[in-house]
Amino acid sequence: MKLKDIKAVNFNRNGSGSISGRIILKKEWLEDMNITPDEPWIELNYDEKIKKIVIEKKD
């Protein structure tokens, strides 16, 4: 399985003008992490010092 990928962030504007970003993750990665429609919760951690986001399944 490929462990690294380059993705673009898609930016969306809501009705009140706020902007949010979205990233589409590979299905294989989600399956490997057991992230499913029944258990969709993840935890995001951002390290400001090294500018890194870590995604983990929330148990």
PDB file of N, CA and C in Angstrom:
ATOM      1  N   MET A   1       0.843  -1.185   0.000  1.00  0.00           N
ATOM      2  CA  MET A   1       0.000   0.000   0.000  1.00  0.00           C
ATOM      3  C   MET A   1       0.883   1.242   0.000  1.00  0.00           C
ATOM      4  N   LYS A   2       0.487   2.213  -0.779  1.00  0.00           N
ATOM      5  CA  LYS A   2       1.231   3.475  -0.855  1.00  0.00           C
ATOM      6  C   LYS A   2       1.028   4.249   0.448  1.00  0.00           C
ATOM      7  N   LEU A   3       2.116   4.660   1.096  1.00  0.00           N
ATOM      8  CA  LEU A   3       2.033   5.313   2.395  1.00  0.00           C
ATOM      9  C   LEU A   3       2.134   6.826   2.325  1.00  0.00           C
ATOM     10  N   LYS A   4       2.399   7.357   1.146  1.00  0.00           N
ATOM     11  CA  LYS A   4       2.532   8.796   1.006  1.00  0.00           C
ATOM     12  C   LYS A   4       1.810   9.225  -0.261  1.00  0.00           C
ATOM     13  N   ASP A   5       1.151  10.377  -0.211  1.00  0.00           N
ATOM     14  CA  ASP A   5       0.428  10.874  -1.369  1.00  0.00           C
ATOM     15  C   ASP A   5       0.406  12.399  -1.322  1.00  0.00           C
ATOM     16  N   ILE A   6       0.296  13.019  -2.456  1.00  0.00           N
ATOM     17  CA  ILE A   6       0.180  14.475  -2.545  1.00  0.00           C
ATOM     18  C   ILE A   6      -1.269  14.791  -2.912  1.00  0.00           C
ATOM     19  N   LYS A   7      -1.901  15.656  -2.139  1.00  0.00           N
ATOM     20  CA  LYS A   7      -3.299  16.021  -2.360  1.00  0.00           C
ATOM     21  C   LYS A   7      -3.434  17.536  -2.375  1.00  0.00           C
ATOM     22  N   ALA A   8      -4.471  18.005  -3.054  1.00  0.00           N
ATOM     23  CA  ALA A   8      -4.826  19.425  -3.021  1.00  0.00           C
ATOM     24  C   ALA A   8      -5.929  19.612  -1.984  1.00  0.00           C
ATOM     25  N   VAL A   9      -5.924  20.742  -1.311  1.00  0.00           N
ATOM     26  CA  VAL A   9      -6.999  21.085  -0.386  1.00  0.00           C
ATOM     27  C   VAL A   9      -8.069  21.804  -1.194  1.00  0.00           C
ATOM     28  N   ASN A  10      -9.310  21.325  -1.083  1.00  0.00           N
ATOM     29  CA  ASN A  10     -10.444  21.975  -1.738  1.00  0.00           C
ATOM     30  C   ASN A  10     -11.062  22.948  -0.749  1.00  0.00           C
ATOM     31  N   PHE A  11     -11.212  24.209  -1.151  1.00  0.00           N
ATOM     32  CA  PHE A  11     -11.777  25.225  -0.274  1.00  0.00           C
ATOM     33  C   PHE A  11     -13.225  25.484  -0.654  1.00  0.00           C
ATOM     34  N   ASN A  12     -14.092  25.558   0.373  1.00  0.00           N
ATOM     35  CA  ASN A  12     -15.518  25.808   0.178  1.00  0.00           C
ATOM     36  C   ASN A  12     -15.930  27.002   1.013  1.00  0.00           C
ATOM     37  N   ARG A  13     -16.861  27.773   0.493  1.00  0.00           N
ATOM     38  CA  ARG A  13     -17.407  28.914   1.233  1.00  0.00           C
ATOM     39  C   ARG A  13     -18.864  28.591   1.562  1.00  0.00           C
ATOM     40  N   ASN A  14     -19.255  28.774   2.852  1.00  0.00           N
ATOM     41  CA  ASN A  14     -20.640  28.504   3.215  1.00  0.00           C
ATOM     42  C   ASN A  14     -21.492  29.757   3.026  1.00  0.00           C
ATOM     43  N   GLY A  15     -22.764  29.681   3.360  1.00  0.00           N
ATOM     44  CA  GLY A  15     -23.686  30.780   3.143  1.00  0.00           C
ATOM     45  C   GLY A  15     -23.342  32.053   3.872  1.00  0.00           C
ATOM     46  N   SER A  16     -22.672  31.943   5.021  1.00  0.00           N
ATOM     47  CA  SER A  16     -22.312  33.146   5.783  1.00  0.00           C
ATOM     48  C   SER A  16     -20.942  33.694   5.395  1.00  0.00           C
ATOM     49  N   GLY A  17     -20.275  33.048   4.445  1.00  0.00           N
ATOM     50  CA  GLY A  17     -18.999  33.552   3.955  1.00  0.00           C
ATOM     51  C   GLY A  17     -17.767  32.901   4.565  1.00  0.00           C
ATOM     52  N   SER A  18     -17.962  31.999   5.554  1.00  0.00           N
ATOM     53  CA  SER A  18     -16.815  31.303   6.156  1.00  0.00           C
ATOM     54  C   SER A  18     -16.223  30.311   5.160  1.00  0.00           C
ATOM     55  N   ILE A  19     -14.907  30.147   5.221  1.00  0.00           N
ATOM     56  CA  ILE A  19     -14.215  29.223   4.317  1.00  0.00           C
ATOM     57  C   ILE A  19     -13.679  28.045   5.125  1.00  0.00           C
ATOM     58  N   SER A  20     -13.857  26.837   4.578  1.00  0.00           N
ATOM     59  CA  SER A  20     -13.288  25.644   5.197  1.00  0.00           C
ATOM     60  C   SER A  20     -12.569  24.841   4.118  1.00  0.00           C
ATOM     61  N   GLY A  21     -11.643  24.004   4.546  1.00  0.00           N
ATOM     62  CA  GLY A  21     -10.879  23.177   3.614  1.00  0.00           C
ATOM     63  C   GLY A  21     -11.230  21.713   3.777  1.00  0.00           C
ATOM     64  N   ARG A  22     -11.162  20.967   2.681  1.00  0.00           N
ATOM     65  CA  ARG A  22     -11.423  19.526   2.697  1.00  0.00           C
ATOM     66  C   ARG A  22     -10.316  18.797   1.949  1.00  0.00           C
ATOM     67  N   ILE A  23     -10.017  17.602   2.443  1.00  0.00           N
ATOM     68  CA  ILE A  23      -9.043  16.731   1.792  1.00  0.00           C
ATOM     69  C   ILE A  23      -9.694  15.366   1.646  1.00  0.00           C
ATOM     70  N   ILE A  24      -9.622  14.771   0.473  1.00  0.00           N
ATOM     71  CA  ILE A  24     -10.184  13.447   0.254  1.00  0.00           C
ATOM     72  C   ILE A  24      -9.096  12.421   0.532  1.00  0.00           C
ATOM     73  N   LEU A  25      -9.431  11.446   1.401  1.00  0.00           N
ATOM     74  CA  LEU A  25      -8.483  10.400   1.783  1.00  0.00           C
ATOM     75  C   LEU A  25      -8.752   9.129   0.984  1.00  0.00           C
ATOM     76  N   LYS A  26      -7.704   8.375   0.752  1.00  0.00           N
ATOM     77  CA  LYS A  26      -7.836   7.125  -0.002  1.00  0.00           C
ATOM     78  C   LYS A  26      -8.702   6.127   0.767  1.00  0.00           C
ATOM     79  N   LYS A  27      -9.583   5.446   0.031  1.00  0.00           N
ATOM     80  CA  LYS A  27     -10.462   4.431   0.623  1.00  0.00           C
ATOM     81  C   LYS A  27      -9.641   3.334   1.312  1.00  0.00           C
ATOM     82  N   GLU A  28      -8.543   2.935   0.688  1.00  0.00           N
ATOM     83  CA  GLU A  28      -7.697   1.879   1.249  1.00  0.00           C
ATOM     84  C   GLU A  28      -7.139   2.278   2.609  1.00  0.00           C
ATOM     85  N   TRP A  29      -6.785   3.552   2.761  1.00  0.00           N
ATOM     86  CA  TRP A  29      -6.261   4.021   4.039  1.00  0.00           C
ATOM     87  C   TRP A  29      -7.355   3.964   5.102  1.00  0.00           C
ATOM     88  N   LEU A  30      -8.557   4.417   4.738  1.00  0.00           N
ATOM     89  CA  LEU A  30      -9.671   4.391   5.692  1.00  0.00           C
ATOM     90  C   LEU A  30     -10.006   2.962   6.098  1.00  0.00           C
ATOM     91  N   GLU A  31     -10.026   2.058   5.133  1.00  0.00           N
ATOM     92  CA  GLU A  31     -10.284   0.652   5.436  1.00  0.00           C
ATOM     93  C   GLU A  31      -9.210   0.087   6.357  1.00  0.00           C
ATOM     94  N   ASP A  32      -7.950   0.412   6.092  1.00  0.00           N
ATOM     95  CA  ASP A  32      -6.845  -0.075   6.914  1.00  0.00           C
ATOM     96  C   ASP A  32      -6.953   0.419   8.352  1.00  0.00           C
ATOM     97  N   MET A  33      -7.495   1.620   8.540  1.00  0.00           N
ATOM     98  CA  MET A  33      -7.658   2.204   9.874  1.00  0.00           C
ATOM     99  C   MET A  33      -8.996   1.830  10.508  1.00  0.00           C
ATOM    100  N   ASN A  34      -9.800   1.007   9.802  1.00  0.00           N
ATOM    101  CA  ASN A  34     -11.137   0.607  10.269  1.00  0.00           C
ATOM    102  C   ASN A  34     -12.049   1.804  10.508  1.00  0.00           C
ATOM    103  N   ILE A  35     -11.959   2.794   9.631  1.00  0.00           N
ATOM    104  CA  ILE A  35     -12.855   3.946   9.672  1.00  0.00           C
ATOM    105  C   ILE A  35     -13.980   3.638   8.697  1.00  0.00           C
ATOM    106  N   THR A  36     -15.204   3.527   9.223  1.00  0.00           N
ATOM    107  CA  THR A  36     -16.359   3.114   8.445  1.00  0.00           C
ATOM    108  C   THR A  36     -17.508   4.094   8.658  1.00  0.00           C
ATOM    109  N   PRO A  37     -18.572   3.985   7.853  1.00  0.00           N
ATOM    110  CA  PRO A  37     -19.746   4.840   8.088  1.00  0.00           C
ATOM    111  C   PRO A  37     -20.345   4.640   9.480  1.00  0.00           C
ATOM    112  N   ASP A  38     -20.191   3.429  10.045  1.00  0.00           N
ATOM    113  CA  ASP A  38     -20.698   3.165  11.396  1.00  0.00           C
ATOM    114  C   ASP A  38     -19.766   3.678  12.479  1.00  0.00           C
ATOM    115  N   GLU A  39     -18.484   3.783  12.176  1.00  0.00           N
ATOM    116  CA  GLU A  39     -17.479   4.291  13.119  1.00  0.00           C
ATOM    117  C   GLU A  39     -16.602   5.317  12.401  1.00  0.00           C
ATOM    118  N   PRO A  40     -17.154   6.526  12.146  1.00  0.00           N
ATOM    119  CA  PRO A  40     -16.432   7.507  11.335  1.00  0.00           C
ATOM    120  C   PRO A  40     -15.524   8.455  12.109  1.00  0.00           C
ATOM    121  N   TRP A  41     -15.431   8.316  13.427  1.00  0.00           N
ATOM    122  CA  TRP A  41     -14.757   9.337  14.233  1.00  0.00           C
ATOM    123  C   TRP A  41     -13.246   9.227  14.186  1.00  0.00           C
ATOM    124  N   ILE A  42     -12.631  10.365  13.931  1.00  0.00           N
ATOM    125  CA  ILE A  42     -11.179  10.461  13.917  1.00  0.00           C
ATOM    126  C   ILE A  42     -10.753  11.593  14.849  1.00  0.00           C
ATOM    127  N   GLU A  43      -9.493  11.601  15.200  1.00  0.00           N
ATOM    128  CA  GLU A  43      -8.913  12.673  16.012  1.00  0.00           C
ATOM    129  C   GLU A  43      -7.826  13.347  15.189  1.00  0.00           C
ATOM    130  N   LEU A  44      -7.868  14.666  15.107  1.00  0.00           N
ATOM    131  CA  LEU A  44      -6.858  15.438  14.381  1.00  0.00           C
ATOM    132  C   LEU A  44      -5.993  16.176  15.383  1.00  0.00           C
ATOM    133  N   ASN A  45      -4.694  16.083  15.230  1.00  0.00           N
ATOM    134  CA  ASN A  45      -3.751  16.800  16.083  1.00  0.00           C
ATOM    135  C   ASN A  45      -2.846  17.642  15.201  1.00  0.00           C
ATOM    136  N   TYR A  46      -2.750  18.928  15.541  1.00  0.00           N
ATOM    137  CA  TYR A  46      -1.907  19.844  14.779  1.00  0.00           C
ATOM    138  C   TYR A  46      -0.779  20.345  15.665  1.00  0.00           C
ATOM    139  N   ASP A  47       0.446  20.176  15.206  1.00  0.00           N
ATOM    140  CA  ASP A  47       1.623  20.657  15.911  1.00  0.00           C
ATOM    141  C   ASP A  47       2.070  21.951  15.242  1.00  0.00           C
ATOM    142  N   GLU A  48       1.834  23.072  15.904  1.00  0.00           N
ATOM    143  CA  GLU A  48       2.167  24.384  15.339  1.00  0.00           C
ATOM    144  C   GLU A  48       3.666  24.547  15.101  1.00  0.00           C
ATOM    145  N   LYS A  49       4.461  23.928  15.952  1.00  0.00           N
ATOM    146  CA  LYS A  49       5.911  24.100  15.869  1.00  0.00           C
ATOM    147  C   LYS A  49       6.483  23.504  14.584  1.00  0.00           C
ATOM    148  N   ILE A  50       6.039  22.293  14.238  1.00  0.00           N
ATOM    149  CA  ILE A  50       6.582  21.636  13.046  1.00  0.00           C
ATOM    150  C   ILE A  50       5.596  21.639  11.871  1.00  0.00           C
ATOM    151  N   LYS A  51       4.435  22.306  12.054  1.00  0.00           N
ATOM    152  CA  LYS A  51       3.439  22.449  10.979  1.00  0.00           C
ATOM    153  C   LYS A  51       3.022  21.087  10.423  1.00  0.00           C
ATOM    154  N   LYS A  52       2.554  20.205  11.324  1.00  0.00           N
ATOM    155  CA  LYS A  52       2.205  18.845  10.934  1.00  0.00           C
ATOM    156  C   LYS A  52       0.842  18.475  11.506  1.00  0.00           C
ATOM    157  N   ILE A  53       0.005  17.827  10.681  1.00  0.00           N
ATOM    158  CA  ILE A  53      -1.298  17.333  11.112  1.00  0.00           C
ATOM    159  C   ILE A  53      -1.216  15.815  11.171  1.00  0.00           C
ATOM    160  N   VAL A  54      -1.685  15.230  12.272  1.00  0.00           N
ATOM    161  CA  VAL A  54      -1.735  13.784  12.439  1.00  0.00           C
ATOM    162  C   VAL A  54      -3.197  13.381  12.559  1.00  0.00           C
ATOM    163  N   ILE A  55      -3.604  12.351  11.792  1.00  0.00           N
ATOM    164  CA  ILE A  55      -4.970  11.840  11.818  1.00  0.00           C
ATOM    165  C   ILE A  55      -4.933  10.459  12.450  1.00  0.00           C
ATOM    166  N   GLU A  56      -5.768  10.239  13.483  1.00  0.00           N
ATOM    167  CA  GLU A  56      -5.856   8.944  14.145  1.00  0.00           C
ATOM    168  C   GLU A  56      -7.312   8.569  14.322  1.00  0.00           C
ATOM    169  N   LYS A  57      -7.581   7.261  14.321  1.00  0.00           N
ATOM    170  CA  LYS A  57      -8.935   6.804  14.587  1.00  0.00           C
ATOM    171  C   LYS A  57      -9.247   7.045  16.060  1.00  0.00           C
ATOM    172  N   LYS A  58     -10.427   7.581  16.322  1.00  0.00           N
ATOM    173  CA  LYS A  58     -10.862   7.819  17.683  1.00  0.00           C
ATOM    174  C   LYS A  58     -11.549   6.564  18.186  1.00  0.00           C
ATOM    175  N   ASP A  59     -10.998   5.942  19.235  1.00  0.00           N
ATOM    176  CA  ASP A  59     -11.584   4.708  19.800  1.00  0.00           C
ATOM    177  C   ASP A  59     -12.601   5.023  20.861  1.00  0.00           C
TER     178      ASP A  59
END
